[in-house]
């Protein structure tokens, strides 16, 4: 016989306890991978139009750096640990790839390293301007006169100031409209085109004010045979601006000027067929299109 509990009743059946399924565990999004550091050479913009410029950056840790482009040497400047330089090309620069070579000293080392990369120069259309000159004015185009002035200007533009004076886009140096643009082919007295306009011409009456396009130091304030009474301002980092055919010069060599400060007055001195301002922007001896600098183009980091 089966034994009974003291209470005389059968043990209760076990009650099933409902179980709540576990809540799904929230998972966080996978971390965004950190992009690898930029290396090598970087261009801004990535290509150059004829007459244009680009800022070249070295994305390597270095204690010094020098750039070479189109047989010219460009000392590089350091900003926030990054080396940079501005390079420019003329209106007749051959389209296609051009090598940019940088020699640098890696951080913590005494030996130098080098890196080479190419930048594309893009073709651009330029018009032709035909100009008639009287005999006296045409005599200023003699090879002897032209070469002597080129040598004098080259000596000025060979200088390099490591301090950068300008910031952002440049200001128009004259208030008049533009009468002749950079890069236009020049034919004098019906002769073939052998050169092009190296600057930008602003219309104005004799005596109209001419102002500095950006802050800088005056490195030339005197007369030139072809370009007449002239002022040249060094803006640093190999960048210069020049103001020609002036009737009056209001600054002296060595003087610091601010953006928009009057430095002279429009005239018709030198090789000029009428009163106007001939304005040039020059990068390491290469005349480039100043209009591109007025519209906020690549003019430094």
Foldseek 3Di string as FASTA:
>chain_A
DDDADPVRDDDDDDDDDDDDPDDDDDDDDDDDDDDDQDAAKDWVVQAAEALGKIKIKHRAQFPFKWKDWPNFIFGWADDPRITIAMDHHHLPPDFAWTKMKMWTHHPPGDDIDMGIDIHTYHHDDAAADEEEDDPVQVVCPDPVQVVVLLVVVLVLLQDAAADAFFDWFWAAFADADWDDFGNHFYHYPNHDGDDTQLFIKGDDDAFGFTWGRAKFFWADAQAGQAFGGKIKGDRHSSKIKMKGQFPFAQDDGGDIDGGGHTGGTWHHGHNGPGTIITMFMAGSRHTGGSVCRNVGGPDDD
